[in-house]
C-alpha atoms as a PDB file:
ATOM      1  CA  MET A   1       7.467  12.548  21.762  1.00  0.00           C
ATOM      2  CA  SER A   2       3.617  12.634  21.993  1.00  0.00           C
ATOM      3  CA  THR A   3       1.776  15.579  22.842  1.00  0.00           C
ATOM      4  CA  THR A   4       0.233  15.661  26.492  1.00  0.00           C
ATOM      5  CA  TYR A   5      -3.307  16.751  27.010  1.00  0.00           C
ATOM      6  CA  VAL A   6      -4.923  17.780  30.204  1.00  0.00           C
ATOM      7  CA  THR A   7      -8.164  15.854  29.608  1.00  0.00           C
ATOM      8  CA  ARG A   8      -9.324  12.744  27.733  1.00  0.00           C
ATOM      9  CA  THR A   9     -11.869  15.072  26.026  1.00  0.00           C
ATOM     10  CA  VAL A  10      -9.123  17.378  24.766  1.00  0.00           C
ATOM     11  CA  ALA A  11      -6.948  14.306  23.538  1.00  0.00           C
ATOM     12  CA  ILE A  12     -10.029  12.853  21.588  1.00  0.00           C
ATOM     13  CA  GLN A  13     -10.652  16.221  19.987  1.00  0.00           C
ATOM     14  CA  ARG A  14      -7.013  16.834  18.901  1.00  0.00           C
ATOM     15  CA  ALA A  15      -6.105  13.073  18.143  1.00  0.00           C
ATOM     16  CA  ILE A  16      -9.202  12.093  16.759  1.00  0.00           C
ATOM     17  CA  ILE A  17     -11.787  14.399  15.665  1.00  0.00           C
ATOM     18  CA  GLU A  18      -9.621  16.872  13.945  1.00  0.00           C
ATOM     19  CA  PRO A  19      -8.024  14.402  11.840  1.00  0.00           C
ATOM     20  CA  LEU A  20     -11.543  13.130  11.054  1.00  0.00           C
ATOM     21  CA  THR A  21     -13.048  16.589  10.242  1.00  0.00           C
ATOM     22  CA  GLY A  22     -16.152  16.077   7.981  1.00  0.00           C
ATOM     23  CA  ARG A  23     -16.485  12.400   8.680  1.00  0.00           C
ATOM     24  CA  VAL A  24     -16.819  12.049  12.363  1.00  0.00           C
ATOM     25  CA  ALA A  25     -20.413  10.688  12.268  1.00  0.00           C
ATOM     26  CA  ASP A  26     -18.886   7.710  10.184  1.00  0.00           C
ATOM     27  CA  TYR A  27     -16.624   6.758  12.925  1.00  0.00           C
ATOM     28  CA  ASP A  28     -17.032   5.102  16.632  1.00  0.00           C
ATOM     29  CA  ILE A  29     -14.878   7.733  18.413  1.00  0.00           C
ATOM     30  CA  GLU A  30     -15.009   6.225  21.775  1.00  0.00           C
ATOM     31  CA  ALA A  31     -13.761   3.076  20.300  1.00  0.00           C
ATOM     32  CA  ILE A  32     -10.860   4.415  18.577  1.00  0.00           C
ATOM     33  CA  ALA A  33     -10.251   6.500  21.894  1.00  0.00           C
ATOM     34  CA  ASP A  34     -10.074   3.368  23.874  1.00  0.00           C
ATOM     35  CA  ARG A  35      -7.517   1.936  21.519  1.00  0.00           C
ATOM     36  CA  ILE A  36      -5.135   4.976  21.168  1.00  0.00           C
ATOM     37  CA  ILE A  37      -5.315   7.365  23.813  1.00  0.00           C
ATOM     38  CA  GLU A  38      -3.564   6.373  27.102  1.00  0.00           C
ATOM     39  CA  HIS A  39      -3.678   7.995  30.611  1.00  0.00           C
ATOM     40  CA  THR A  40      -0.450   8.745  32.075  1.00  0.00           C
ATOM     41  CA  GLU A  41       0.522  10.571  35.487  1.00  0.00           C
ATOM     42  CA  HIS A  42       1.024  13.835  33.457  1.00  0.00           C
ATOM     43  CA  GLY A  43      -2.252  13.405  31.482  1.00  0.00           C
ATOM     44  CA  TYR A  44      -3.419  11.813  28.186  1.00  0.00           C
ATOM     45  CA  VAL A  45      -1.239  11.002  25.169  1.00  0.00           C
ATOM     46  CA  CYS A  46      -1.702   9.342  21.751  1.00  0.00           C
ATOM     47  CA  PRO A  47       1.250   7.564  21.248  1.00  0.00           C
ATOM     48  CA  VAL A  48       0.206   5.998  17.994  1.00  0.00           C
ATOM     49  CA  GLU A  49       1.843   6.946  14.483  1.00  0.00           C
ATOM     50  CA  PRO A  50      -0.475   8.146  11.799  1.00  0.00           C
ATOM     51  CA  ASP A  51      -0.418   4.914  10.027  1.00  0.00           C
ATOM     52  CA  GLU A  52      -1.309   2.901  13.010  1.00  0.00           C
ATOM     53  CA  PHE A  53      -4.112   5.785  13.671  1.00  0.00           C
ATOM     54  CA  TRP A  54      -5.585   5.392  10.236  1.00  0.00           C
ATOM     55  CA  GLN A  55      -5.641   1.347  10.329  1.00  0.00           C
ATOM     56  CA  ILE A  56      -7.390   1.690  13.761  1.00  0.00           C
ATOM     57  CA  ALA A  57      -9.726   4.174  12.598  1.00  0.00           C
ATOM     58  CA  SER A  58     -10.472   2.354   9.515  1.00  0.00           C
ATOM     59  CA  GLU A  59     -11.568  -0.893  11.826  1.00  0.00           C
ATOM     60  CA  HIS A  60     -13.996   1.639  13.531  1.00  0.00           C
ATOM     61  CA  ASP A  61     -15.436   3.078  10.248  1.00  0.00           C
ATOM     62  CA  LEU A  62     -18.991   2.758  10.785  1.00  0.00           C
ATOM     63  CA  SER A  63     -20.079   3.675   7.130  1.00  0.00           C
ATOM     64  CA  ALA A  64     -17.991   0.766   5.991  1.00  0.00           C
ATOM     65  CA  ASN A  65     -19.747  -1.545   8.539  1.00  0.00           C
ATOM     66  CA  ALA A  66     -22.821  -0.249   7.311  1.00  0.00           C
ATOM     67  CA  GLN A  67     -21.868  -0.886   3.822  1.00  0.00           C
ATOM     68  CA  ALA A  68     -20.741  -4.642   4.336  1.00  0.00           C
ATOM     69  CA  VAL A  69     -24.371  -5.003   6.100  1.00  0.00           C
ATOM     70  CA  ALA A  70     -26.139  -3.792   3.195  1.00  0.00           C
ATOM     71  CA  GLU A  71     -24.214  -5.689   0.772  1.00  0.00           C
ATOM     72  CA  PHE A  72     -24.861  -9.084   2.779  1.00  0.00           C
ATOM     73  CA  GLU A  73     -28.506  -8.188   3.198  1.00  0.00           C
ATOM     74  CA  GLN A  74     -28.889  -7.668  -0.443  1.00  0.00           C
ATOM     75  CA  ALA A  75     -27.000 -10.908  -1.332  1.00  0.00           C
ATOM     76  CA  ILE A  76     -29.600 -12.854   1.066  1.00  0.00           C
ATOM     77  CA  GLU A  77     -32.400 -11.413  -0.769  1.00  0.00           C
ATOM     78  CA  HIS A  78     -31.166 -12.651  -4.201  1.00  0.00           C
ATOM     79  CA  GLN A  79     -30.683 -16.226  -2.934  1.00  0.00           C
ATOM     80  CA  PRO A  80     -32.793 -19.029  -4.281  1.00  0.00           C
ATOM     81  CA  ALA A  81     -35.749 -20.007  -2.294  1.00  0.00           C
ATOM     82  CA  TRP A  82     -34.175 -23.602  -1.212  1.00  0.00           C
ATOM     83  CA  ALA A  83     -30.872 -21.549   0.099  1.00  0.00           C
ATOM     84  CA  LYS A  84     -32.882 -19.508   2.610  1.00  0.00           C
END
């Protein structure tokens, strides 16, 4: 059974920000919240299991995306002139 939170803000704090403590800036918190927080007639819940949470969080890891872009840009810089 999921915990019910009175507000979306509290649900985000408890279900997303607390598990990501120390790395919050590396994640798109709103995008994660849109995927895992549900509004019910009683409040807000996060009905996902921990494995699903971490999978979704990894999909919205901004540091991973930034690293991938940097690697791509570096690869392009090192291509021969004819390939550009």
